[in-house]
N, C-alpha and C. Protein backbone atom coordinates (compact mmCIF):
# COMPACT_ATOMS: atom_id res chain seq x y z
N MET A 1 36.08 123.90 92.37
CA MET A 1 35.96 123.86 94.00
C MET A 1 36.79 125.27 94.01
N ALA A 2 36.13 126.50 94.67
CA ALA A 2 37.35 127.48 94.60
C ALA A 2 38.07 127.23 95.46
N ASN A 3 39.42 127.84 95.47
CA ASN A 3 40.49 127.91 96.88
C ASN A 3 39.73 128.15 98.27
N ALA A 4 40.10 128.00 99.37
CA ALA A 4 39.62 127.94 100.44
C ALA A 4 40.68 129.77 100.82
N ASN A 5 39.61 130.78 101.47
CA ASN A 5 40.97 132.12 101.39
C ASN A 5 40.74 131.62 103.31
N ARG A 6 42.51 131.23 103.50
CA ARG A 6 42.91 130.94 104.68
C ARG A 6 44.37 131.61 104.97
N ALA A 7 44.51 132.47 105.03
CA ALA A 7 45.84 132.98 105.01
C ALA A 7 46.25 132.80 106.42
N SER A 8 47.84 132.68 106.43
CA SER A 8 48.59 132.29 107.52
C SER A 8 50.14 132.93 107.47
N GLY A 9 50.36 133.66 106.51
CA GLY A 9 51.59 134.14 106.47
C GLY A 9 52.33 132.77 105.75
N TYR A 10 53.76 132.65 105.84
CA TYR A 10 54.48 132.20 105.83
C TYR A 10 54.54 130.77 106.48
N THR A 11 54.65 129.35 105.85
CA THR A 11 54.79 128.21 106.92
C THR A 11 55.90 127.22 105.93
N PRO A 12 57.02 127.18 106.82
CA PRO A 12 57.89 126.45 106.33
C PRO A 12 57.60 125.14 106.25
N VAL A 13 57.47 124.49 104.92
CA VAL A 13 57.28 123.06 104.69
C VAL A 13 58.52 122.07 104.12
N GLY A 14 59.71 122.75 103.92
CA GLY A 14 60.76 121.84 103.59
C GLY A 14 61.69 122.74 102.78
N TYR A 15 62.64 121.80 102.33
CA TYR A 15 64.22 122.32 101.99
C TYR A 15 64.55 122.21 100.60
N LEU A 16 65.41 123.23 99.87
CA LEU A 16 65.43 122.94 98.72
C LEU A 16 66.29 121.14 98.02
N ASN A 17 66.91 120.78 99.04
CA ASN A 17 67.26 119.18 98.58
C ASN A 17 66.00 118.32 98.47
N GLY A 18 64.48 118.59 98.86
CA GLY A 18 63.78 117.67 98.81
C GLY A 18 63.40 117.27 100.37
N ALA A 19 64.21 117.70 101.40
CA ALA A 19 63.80 116.80 102.47
C ALA A 19 62.54 117.97 103.64
N GLN A 20 61.75 117.28 104.20
CA GLN A 20 60.66 117.90 104.53
C GLN A 20 61.12 118.66 105.71
N TRP A 21 60.84 119.94 106.56
CA TRP A 21 60.81 120.92 107.70
C TRP A 21 60.97 120.03 108.20
N ASN A 22 62.20 120.17 109.24
CA ASN A 22 62.16 119.63 110.77
C ASN A 22 61.76 119.71 111.58
N GLY A 23 61.35 121.52 111.68
CA GLY A 23 60.83 122.52 113.39
C GLY A 23 62.40 122.72 113.38
N GLN A 24 63.12 123.13 112.66
CA GLN A 24 64.71 123.40 113.16
C GLN A 24 64.55 125.03 113.22
N ALA A 25 65.01 126.11 114.15
CA ALA A 25 64.29 127.34 114.15
C ALA A 25 65.48 127.61 115.46
N ARG A 26 65.80 129.18 115.49
CA ARG A 26 66.64 129.54 116.24
C ARG A 26 65.97 130.94 116.69
N VAL A 27 66.38 130.80 118.45
CA VAL A 27 65.76 132.16 119.31
C VAL A 27 66.36 133.45 118.90
N TYR A 28 65.42 134.19 118.70
CA TYR A 28 65.65 135.71 118.77
C TYR A 28 64.83 136.60 119.91
N SER A 29 65.09 137.73 119.85
CA SER A 29 64.63 138.79 120.96
C SER A 29 63.69 139.83 120.07
N ILE A 30 63.03 139.99 121.06
CA ILE A 30 62.16 141.19 120.68
C ILE A 30 61.68 142.01 121.82
N ALA A 31 62.65 143.35 121.83
CA ALA A 31 62.53 144.55 122.39
C ALA A 31 61.43 144.75 123.19
N ALA A 32 61.41 145.06 124.23
CA ALA A 32 60.41 145.59 125.21
C ALA A 32 59.56 146.87 124.57
N SER A 33 60.63 147.59 124.05
CA SER A 33 59.86 148.89 123.52
C SER A 33 59.37 148.58 122.40
N TYR A 34 59.77 147.24 121.54
CA TYR A 34 58.84 147.59 120.34
C TYR A 34 57.36 147.55 120.10
N GLY A 35 57.07 148.39 119.26
CA GLY A 35 55.39 148.85 119.19
C GLY A 35 54.84 147.79 118.04
N THR A 36 55.01 146.79 117.55
CA THR A 36 54.21 146.09 116.21
C THR A 36 54.15 144.80 116.85
N ALA A 37 52.64 144.57 116.58
CA ALA A 37 52.50 143.04 116.57
C ALA A 37 53.02 142.36 115.80
N LEU A 38 53.66 141.21 116.27
CA LEU A 38 53.93 139.96 115.69
C LEU A 38 53.47 138.74 115.87
N TYR A 39 53.08 138.16 114.78
CA TYR A 39 52.54 136.73 114.82
C TYR A 39 53.10 135.76 113.71
N ILE A 40 52.70 134.25 114.61
CA ILE A 40 53.60 132.95 113.78
C ILE A 40 53.09 133.80 112.41
N GLY A 41 54.23 133.25 111.80
CA GLY A 41 53.64 133.26 109.99
C GLY A 41 54.64 134.59 109.35
N ASP A 42 54.85 135.44 110.50
CA ASP A 42 55.24 136.69 110.01
C ASP A 42 56.67 136.84 109.63
N PRO A 43 57.14 137.32 108.24
CA PRO A 43 58.01 137.63 107.69
C PRO A 43 59.13 138.69 108.90
N CYS A 44 60.48 138.52 108.93
CA CYS A 44 61.02 139.43 110.08
C CYS A 44 62.48 139.64 109.45
N ILE A 45 62.84 140.46 110.13
CA ILE A 45 64.38 140.93 109.99
C ILE A 45 65.26 141.20 110.96
N SER A 46 66.82 141.54 110.88
CA SER A 46 66.93 141.97 112.16
C SER A 46 66.92 142.90 112.61
N SER A 47 67.09 143.19 113.58
CA SER A 47 66.94 144.96 114.28
C SER A 47 67.93 145.61 114.28
N GLY A 48 69.26 144.79 114.53
CA GLY A 48 70.47 145.29 114.94
C GLY A 48 70.81 145.78 115.77
N THR A 49 70.61 144.92 116.98
CA THR A 49 70.85 144.76 118.32
C THR A 49 70.55 143.07 118.88
N ALA A 50 70.42 143.39 120.33
CA ALA A 50 70.42 142.26 120.81
C ALA A 50 70.16 142.61 122.51
N ASP A 51 69.73 141.28 122.87
CA ASP A 51 69.09 141.56 124.68
C ASP A 51 69.91 141.54 125.47
N SER A 52 70.38 141.30 126.67
CA SER A 52 71.38 141.72 127.65
C SER A 52 72.32 140.62 127.76
N ASN A 53 71.41 139.32 127.29
CA ASN A 53 72.27 137.98 127.09
C ASN A 53 72.87 138.15 125.65
N GLY A 54 72.99 138.58 124.78
CA GLY A 54 73.28 138.35 123.54
C GLY A 54 72.33 138.09 122.46
N VAL A 55 71.43 138.19 122.85
CA VAL A 55 70.38 136.93 121.73
C VAL A 55 70.06 137.96 120.70
N PRO A 56 70.31 137.59 119.47
CA PRO A 56 70.06 138.87 118.57
C PRO A 56 68.55 139.26 118.39
N GLY A 57 68.06 140.46 118.02
CA GLY A 57 66.94 140.91 117.68
C GLY A 57 66.45 140.87 116.44
N ILE A 58 64.92 140.84 116.51
CA ILE A 58 64.17 140.97 115.35
C ILE A 58 63.12 141.89 115.70
N ALA A 59 62.64 142.35 113.77
CA ALA A 59 61.69 143.17 113.83
C ALA A 59 60.92 142.93 112.37
N ILE A 60 59.61 143.17 112.53
CA ILE A 60 58.80 142.95 111.43
C ILE A 60 59.26 143.24 110.08
N GLY A 61 59.14 142.13 108.95
CA GLY A 61 59.95 142.23 107.49
C GLY A 61 58.71 143.04 107.10
N GLY A 62 59.39 143.57 105.87
CA GLY A 62 58.54 144.27 104.63
C GLY A 62 58.43 143.66 103.38
N ALA A 63 58.11 144.11 102.56
CA ALA A 63 57.42 143.60 100.71
C ALA A 63 58.90 143.73 99.95
N THR A 64 59.96 144.31 100.88
CA THR A 64 61.36 144.59 99.83
C THR A 64 62.44 144.36 100.93
N GLY A 65 63.77 144.20 100.37
CA GLY A 65 64.91 144.00 101.16
C GLY A 65 64.93 142.32 101.70
N ALA A 66 66.05 142.54 102.53
CA ALA A 66 66.53 141.21 102.61
C ALA A 66 65.92 140.78 103.99
N LEU A 67 65.11 139.71 104.06
CA LEU A 67 64.55 139.01 105.49
C LEU A 67 65.38 137.94 105.78
N ARG A 68 65.40 137.69 107.34
CA ARG A 68 66.33 136.89 108.19
C ARG A 68 65.31 136.12 108.58
N GLY A 69 64.24 135.84 108.39
CA GLY A 69 63.19 134.26 108.30
C GLY A 69 62.10 134.67 108.30
N VAL A 70 61.22 133.90 108.76
CA VAL A 70 59.84 133.81 109.49
C VAL A 70 59.91 133.16 110.72
N ILE A 71 58.68 133.63 111.51
CA ILE A 71 58.30 133.28 112.92
C ILE A 71 57.64 132.19 112.79
N VAL A 72 58.40 131.09 113.83
CA VAL A 72 57.43 129.84 114.03
C VAL A 72 57.06 129.71 115.27
N GLY A 73 57.55 131.08 116.46
CA GLY A 73 56.87 130.75 117.72
C GLY A 73 57.13 131.66 118.61
N LEU A 74 56.35 132.16 119.59
CA LEU A 74 56.61 133.78 120.23
C LEU A 74 56.19 133.14 121.52
N GLY A 75 57.24 133.64 122.46
CA GLY A 75 57.18 133.59 123.60
C GLY A 75 57.28 134.70 124.31
N ARG A 76 57.09 134.46 125.91
CA ARG A 76 57.44 135.99 126.86
C ARG A 76 59.02 135.71 127.21
N TYR A 77 59.26 134.04 127.55
CA TYR A 77 60.82 133.73 127.90
C TYR A 77 61.81 133.05 126.74
N GLU A 78 62.97 132.85 127.11
CA GLU A 78 63.92 132.61 126.13
C GLU A 78 63.81 131.39 126.18
N SER A 79 63.13 130.72 126.80
CA SER A 79 63.24 129.15 126.72
C SER A 79 61.29 128.72 125.97
N LEU A 80 60.67 129.85 125.59
CA LEU A 80 59.52 129.42 124.85
C LEU A 80 58.57 128.35 125.17
N MET A 81 57.47 128.41 125.31
CA MET A 81 56.86 129.59 124.61
C MET A 81 55.47 130.27 125.24
N ALA A 82 55.34 130.21 126.25
CA ALA A 82 53.95 130.56 126.46
C ALA A 82 54.09 131.80 127.45
N ASN A 83 52.77 132.39 127.30
CA ASN A 83 53.07 134.13 127.98
C ASN A 83 52.47 133.53 129.18
N PRO A 84 52.88 133.44 130.24
CA PRO A 84 51.93 132.94 131.65
C PRO A 84 50.72 133.91 132.10
N SER A 85 50.50 135.19 131.55
CA SER A 85 49.60 136.50 131.67
C SER A 85 48.31 136.14 130.97
N ASN A 86 48.37 135.01 129.98
CA ASN A 86 47.49 135.08 129.26
C ASN A 86 47.78 133.49 128.20
N LEU A 87 47.27 132.42 128.60
CA LEU A 87 47.79 131.35 127.77
C LEU A 87 47.28 131.01 126.23
N ASP A 88 46.24 132.18 126.29
CA ASP A 88 45.51 132.23 124.80
C ASP A 88 45.93 132.98 124.19
N ILE A 89 47.15 133.84 124.40
CA ILE A 89 47.32 134.49 123.19
C ILE A 89 48.71 134.02 122.74
N ILE A 90 48.50 134.04 121.45
CA ILE A 90 49.88 132.91 120.90
C ILE A 90 50.35 134.27 120.02
N TYR A 91 50.06 135.46 119.84
CA TYR A 91 50.84 136.10 119.08
C TYR A 91 51.77 137.80 120.21
N ARG A 92 52.25 138.47 119.69
CA ARG A 92 53.20 139.04 120.94
C ARG A 92 52.28 140.38 120.52
N PRO A 93 51.10 141.10 121.42
CA PRO A 93 50.56 142.20 120.75
C PRO A 93 51.71 143.94 121.29
N ALA A 94 51.29 144.49 119.77
CA ALA A 94 51.64 145.60 119.65
C ALA A 94 51.82 146.38 121.12
N SER A 95 51.17 146.47 121.93
CA SER A 95 50.93 146.93 123.13
C SER A 95 51.69 146.36 124.70
N ASP A 96 52.21 145.35 124.09
CA ASP A 96 53.26 144.65 125.34
C ASP A 96 54.15 145.40 125.69
N ALA A 97 54.67 145.48 127.06
CA ALA A 97 55.95 146.32 127.21
C ALA A 97 57.03 145.29 127.60
N ASN A 98 56.57 144.25 127.57
CA ASN A 98 57.55 143.06 127.84
C ASN A 98 58.52 142.68 126.67
N ALA A 99 59.90 142.35 126.94
CA ALA A 99 60.86 141.80 126.16
C ALA A 99 59.50 140.38 125.85
N TRP A 100 60.06 139.93 124.49
CA TRP A 100 59.69 138.49 124.20
C TRP A 100 60.67 138.08 123.23
N TYR A 101 60.40 136.95 123.07
CA TYR A 101 61.14 136.11 122.29
C TYR A 101 60.75 135.11 120.86
N ALA A 102 61.17 135.06 120.14
CA ALA A 102 60.49 134.22 118.94
C ALA A 102 61.65 133.17 118.10
N MET A 103 61.02 132.08 117.97
CA MET A 103 61.90 131.11 117.17
C MET A 103 61.70 131.73 115.29
N VAL A 104 62.51 131.61 114.81
CA VAL A 104 62.59 131.82 113.73
C VAL A 104 63.33 130.73 112.62
N ALA A 105 62.39 130.48 111.69
CA ALA A 105 63.07 129.35 110.73
C ALA A 105 63.73 130.46 109.84
N ASP A 106 65.27 130.14 110.18
CA ASP A 106 66.02 131.47 109.07
C ASP A 106 66.93 130.79 108.31
N ASP A 107 66.55 129.65 107.96
CA ASP A 107 67.39 128.74 107.13
C ASP A 107 67.35 129.11 105.49
N PRO A 108 68.46 129.52 104.65
CA PRO A 108 68.18 130.40 103.40
C PRO A 108 67.43 129.77 102.33
N ASN A 109 67.65 128.14 102.56
CA ASN A 109 66.94 127.19 102.01
C ASN A 109 65.80 126.16 102.05
N LEU A 110 65.13 127.49 102.93
CA LEU A 110 63.96 126.76 103.08
C LEU A 110 63.25 127.03 101.95
N ILE A 111 61.69 126.27 102.02
CA ILE A 111 60.74 126.55 101.19
C ILE A 111 59.37 127.09 101.90
N PHE A 112 58.65 127.48 101.87
CA PHE A 112 57.61 128.20 102.57
C PHE A 112 56.29 127.76 101.72
N GLU A 113 55.01 127.83 102.54
CA GLU A 113 53.58 127.86 101.69
C GLU A 113 53.27 129.55 102.26
N ILE A 114 52.50 130.15 100.81
CA ILE A 114 52.01 131.17 101.40
C ILE A 114 50.63 131.63 100.35
N GLN A 115 49.80 132.17 100.87
CA GLN A 115 48.29 131.89 100.19
C GLN A 115 48.39 133.21 99.18
N GLU A 116 48.06 133.11 98.23
CA GLU A 116 48.21 134.33 97.38
C GLU A 116 46.83 135.25 97.37
N GLU A 117 46.87 136.19 97.39
CA GLU A 117 45.84 137.13 97.58
C GLU A 117 44.63 137.06 96.48
N SER A 118 43.62 138.00 96.50
CA SER A 118 42.49 138.06 95.71
C SER A 118 42.48 139.06 95.43
N ASN A 119 43.21 139.56 93.82
CA ASN A 119 43.04 141.09 93.80
C ASN A 119 43.03 141.00 92.29
N GLY A 120 42.15 140.65 91.11
CA GLY A 120 42.19 140.77 89.92
C GLY A 120 42.74 139.56 89.07
N THR A 121 43.86 139.91 88.58
CA THR A 121 44.34 138.65 87.60
C THR A 121 45.39 137.81 88.57
N ALA A 122 45.40 136.64 89.07
CA ALA A 122 45.98 135.79 89.47
C ALA A 122 47.15 135.52 88.75
N LEU A 123 48.25 134.91 89.66
CA LEU A 123 49.56 133.92 88.99
C LEU A 123 49.23 132.71 88.53
N ALA A 124 49.85 132.74 87.34
CA ALA A 124 49.73 131.84 86.47
C ALA A 124 51.01 130.72 86.61
N ALA A 125 50.84 129.54 85.58
CA ALA A 125 51.84 128.67 85.46
C ALA A 125 53.14 129.12 84.59
N THR A 126 52.97 130.52 83.99
CA THR A 126 53.73 130.86 82.99
C THR A 126 55.01 131.91 83.85
N ASP A 127 54.09 131.96 85.47
CA ASP A 127 55.05 132.77 86.53
C ASP A 127 56.17 132.17 87.18
N VAL A 128 55.78 130.71 87.09
CA VAL A 128 56.36 129.70 87.94
C VAL A 128 58.07 129.94 87.39
N GLY A 129 59.16 130.48 88.68
CA GLY A 129 60.31 130.53 88.50
C GLY A 129 60.82 132.19 88.36
N LEU A 130 59.83 132.67 88.30
CA LEU A 130 60.03 134.50 88.41
C LEU A 130 59.60 134.74 90.14
N ASN A 131 60.45 136.15 89.74
CA ASN A 131 60.63 136.45 91.05
C ASN A 131 59.80 137.70 91.54
N THR A 132 58.94 137.56 93.02
CA THR A 132 58.07 138.47 93.16
C THR A 132 57.83 139.26 94.72
N ILE A 133 56.45 139.63 95.10
CA ILE A 133 57.04 140.26 96.15
C ILE A 133 55.20 139.97 97.37
N PRO A 134 55.38 139.89 98.40
CA PRO A 134 54.37 139.83 99.41
C PRO A 134 53.92 141.07 99.88
N VAL A 135 52.40 140.70 99.80
CA VAL A 135 51.61 142.15 100.80
C VAL A 135 51.43 141.80 102.18
N SER A 136 51.68 142.77 102.79
CA SER A 136 51.40 142.71 104.34
C SER A 136 49.99 142.49 104.29
N GLY A 137 49.60 142.11 105.73
CA GLY A 137 48.24 142.09 106.15
C GLY A 137 48.18 141.83 107.45
N ALA A 138 47.18 142.06 108.33
CA ALA A 138 47.02 141.94 109.35
C ALA A 138 47.01 140.84 110.06
N GLY A 139 47.16 140.52 111.18
CA GLY A 139 46.93 139.03 111.91
C GLY A 139 45.44 139.11 112.46
N ASN A 140 44.94 137.96 112.23
CA ASN A 140 43.82 137.57 112.78
C ASN A 140 43.81 137.27 114.28
N GLY A 141 44.65 137.70 115.17
CA GLY A 141 44.79 137.13 116.45
C GLY A 141 45.39 135.75 116.87
N TYR A 142 45.75 135.00 116.09
CA TYR A 142 46.38 133.90 115.94
C TYR A 142 47.87 133.97 115.03
N VAL A 143 47.60 133.96 113.79
CA VAL A 143 48.26 133.96 112.84
C VAL A 143 48.58 135.15 112.09
N SER A 144 49.27 135.02 111.06
CA SER A 144 49.97 136.17 110.19
C SER A 144 49.09 136.07 108.66
N GLY A 145 48.89 137.74 108.76
CA GLY A 145 47.97 137.94 107.39
C GLY A 145 48.57 138.18 106.10
N TRP A 146 50.16 138.09 106.26
CA TRP A 146 51.02 138.26 105.16
C TRP A 146 50.69 137.58 104.03
N LEU A 147 50.26 137.97 102.71
CA LEU A 147 50.06 137.30 101.45
C LEU A 147 50.75 137.29 100.35
N LEU A 148 51.01 136.60 99.22
CA LEU A 148 51.55 136.70 97.99
C LEU A 148 50.80 137.45 96.89
N ARG A 149 51.93 138.53 96.41
CA ARG A 149 51.20 139.49 95.62
C ARG A 149 50.44 138.83 94.41
N SER A 150 49.29 139.18 93.83
CA SER A 150 49.20 138.53 92.62
C SER A 150 49.42 139.84 91.46
N THR A 151 49.57 139.28 89.94
CA THR A 151 50.24 139.78 89.05
C THR A 151 49.04 141.00 89.01
N SER A 152 48.30 141.66 89.46
CA SER A 152 47.32 142.50 89.26
C SER A 152 48.17 143.55 90.25
N GLY A 153 48.83 143.80 91.45
CA GLY A 153 49.84 144.01 92.20
C GLY A 153 50.68 144.53 91.63
N ALA A 154 51.43 143.74 91.54
CA ALA A 154 53.11 143.46 90.55
C ALA A 154 53.22 142.42 90.18
N ALA A 155 53.31 142.68 88.59
CA ALA A 155 53.85 141.16 87.64
C ALA A 155 54.97 141.02 88.39
N PRO A 156 55.12 139.46 88.73
CA PRO A 156 56.21 138.71 88.83
C PRO A 156 57.62 139.25 87.36
N ALA A 157 58.79 139.04 87.84
CA ALA A 157 59.89 139.55 86.81
C ALA A 157 61.17 138.69 87.11
N THR A 158 62.02 138.99 86.58
CA THR A 158 63.27 138.31 86.58
C THR A 158 64.24 139.08 87.31
N THR A 159 63.78 140.31 87.74
CA THR A 159 64.39 140.92 88.70
C THR A 159 65.05 140.27 89.75
N ALA A 160 66.46 140.43 90.24
CA ALA A 160 67.25 139.50 91.42
C ALA A 160 67.07 140.47 92.59
N THR A 161 66.40 141.52 92.89
CA THR A 161 66.09 142.41 94.19
C THR A 161 64.76 141.85 94.70
N LEU A 162 64.28 140.86 93.63
CA LEU A 162 62.46 141.24 94.04
C LEU A 162 62.82 139.81 95.11
N GLN A 163 61.69 139.85 96.48
CA GLN A 163 61.86 139.46 97.72
C GLN A 163 61.90 137.80 97.75
N LEU A 164 61.31 137.37 96.58
CA LEU A 164 60.79 135.94 96.90
C LEU A 164 60.51 135.38 95.35
N ARG A 165 61.26 133.97 95.30
CA ARG A 165 61.35 133.18 94.17
C ARG A 165 59.98 132.47 94.06
N LEU A 166 59.25 132.40 93.21
CA LEU A 166 58.14 131.36 92.75
C LEU A 166 58.55 129.83 92.32
N LEU A 167 58.01 129.11 93.55
CA LEU A 167 58.25 127.53 93.39
C LEU A 167 57.48 126.73 91.96
N GLY A 168 56.44 127.44 92.55
CA GLY A 168 54.76 126.28 91.89
C GLY A 168 54.00 126.52 93.07
N LEU A 169 52.64 125.73 92.46
CA LEU A 169 51.82 125.77 93.70
C LEU A 169 51.99 124.82 94.59
N ALA A 170 51.18 124.52 95.75
CA ALA A 170 51.32 123.69 97.12
C ALA A 170 50.79 122.77 96.23
N ARG A 171 51.11 121.21 96.48
CA ARG A 171 50.71 120.11 95.95
C ARG A 171 49.65 119.77 97.18
N LYS A 172 48.26 119.82 96.90
CA LYS A 172 47.33 119.32 98.21
C LYS A 172 46.14 119.24 97.36
N PRO A 173 45.07 119.07 97.92
CA PRO A 173 44.14 118.93 97.54
C PRO A 173 43.35 119.98 97.54
N ASN A 174 42.15 120.57 96.72
CA ASN A 174 41.57 121.57 96.40
C ASN A 174 42.22 122.90 96.42
N ASN A 175 43.55 122.83 95.87
CA ASN A 175 44.14 124.03 95.20
C ASN A 175 45.02 124.06 93.47
N ALA A 176 44.43 124.96 93.66
CA ALA A 176 44.78 125.72 92.04
C ALA A 176 45.00 126.57 91.62
N PHE A 177 45.32 127.16 90.54
CA PHE A 177 45.53 128.39 90.29
C PHE A 177 44.60 129.56 90.17
N GLY A 178 44.71 130.56 90.67
CA GLY A 178 43.20 131.30 90.82
C GLY A 178 43.49 132.14 92.36
N ALA A 179 42.62 132.72 92.55
CA ALA A 179 42.71 133.60 94.07
C ALA A 179 42.86 132.56 95.06
N TYR A 180 43.43 133.10 96.26
CA TYR A 180 43.79 131.97 97.01
C TYR A 180 44.63 130.93 96.97
N ALA A 181 45.16 130.62 95.66
CA ALA A 181 46.11 129.83 95.49
C ALA A 181 47.01 129.79 96.78
N LYS A 182 47.38 128.38 97.06
CA LYS A 182 48.67 128.26 97.71
C LYS A 182 49.95 127.98 97.17
N TRP A 183 50.79 129.11 97.29
CA TRP A 183 52.05 128.83 96.62
C TRP A 183 53.16 128.37 97.62
N LEU A 184 54.29 127.74 97.13
CA LEU A 184 55.65 127.64 97.22
C LEU A 184 56.39 128.23 97.08
N VAL A 185 57.02 129.07 97.71
CA VAL A 185 58.07 130.11 97.88
C VAL A 185 59.35 129.90 98.35
N GLN A 186 60.29 130.74 97.83
CA GLN A 186 61.83 130.38 98.74
C GLN A 186 61.99 131.99 98.58
N ILE A 187 62.64 132.41 99.77
CA ILE A 187 62.88 133.78 100.03
C ILE A 187 64.47 134.00 99.14
N ASN A 188 64.36 134.89 98.23
CA ASN A 188 64.94 135.15 97.31
C ASN A 188 66.26 136.23 97.96
N VAL A 189 66.07 137.08 98.70
CA VAL A 189 66.74 137.72 99.28
C VAL A 189 67.02 137.91 100.66
N HIS A 190 67.78 137.09 100.85
CA HIS A 190 67.84 136.60 102.43
C HIS A 190 69.38 137.02 103.34
N GLU A 191 69.23 137.53 104.59
CA GLU A 191 70.26 138.15 105.02
C GLU A 191 71.36 137.28 105.31
N LEU A 192 71.01 135.75 105.19
CA LEU A 192 72.07 134.75 105.91
C LEU A 192 72.70 134.14 104.43
N ALA A 193 72.18 134.68 103.13
CA ALA A 193 72.54 134.71 101.68
C ALA A 193 73.10 135.94 101.14
N HIS A 194 73.60 136.68 102.20
CA HIS A 194 74.18 138.10 102.12
C HIS A 194 73.18 138.96 101.12
N GLY A 195 71.94 138.81 101.22
CA GLY A 195 70.79 139.53 100.86
C GLY A 195 70.98 140.08 99.07
N THR A 196 71.41 139.10 98.51
CA THR A 196 72.00 139.58 96.85
C THR A 196 70.84 139.49 96.31
N GLY A 197 70.30 138.16 96.40
CA GLY A 197 69.18 137.56 95.25
C GLY A 197 69.74 136.97 94.37
N ALA A 198 68.70 136.60 93.29
CA ALA A 198 69.24 135.99 92.10
C ALA A 198 67.95 135.83 90.98
N ALA A 199 68.59 136.28 90.21
CA ALA A 199 67.57 136.52 88.66
C ALA A 199 66.26 135.53 88.61
N GLY A 200 65.51 135.87 88.24
CA GLY A 200 64.51 134.83 87.93
C GLY A 200 64.34 134.47 86.92
N VAL A 201 63.77 132.66 86.46
CA VAL A 201 63.98 132.26 85.31
C VAL A 201 62.55 132.29 84.02
């Protein structure tokens, strides 16, 4: 059976010590002037500033450089999570001129599940342990559209500065090597691990 195409960005699932993710996350601010949509599952970076209460700010992450973590919740108030103007909106629209807050899973030891893109040659068992990069994608109005790069986009390598470490396939029914496979990854270049990264194996 072919893998289902259900991109949702990064989903925290556990820790390197074998423990399941316990929902722990930290509150960050999003400036009212920030003009980019943000979704649950998006990678983020530190913005280099904070709100008036000293809550550190974030911005959308990219495919290179150190990440702060992954957004797991969004809301208009520091207490999170609802948007009182529209309870159906669970993402932060680019056009919103209000300050928002995000819950960010920012532990460097977290493991995330992310879907591989469909772009020619898929990742293989021999890529496990190597480092690679993600691919940006538009959110669908509910969750992130970020994906894991296939080998056709940029082959995994031992390069220490590549953002993600491939840990293997997510062990779940109807998931196999190929297009849209669900992978387990660790953020290899992380702001809270001094952003240095480690060589793949």
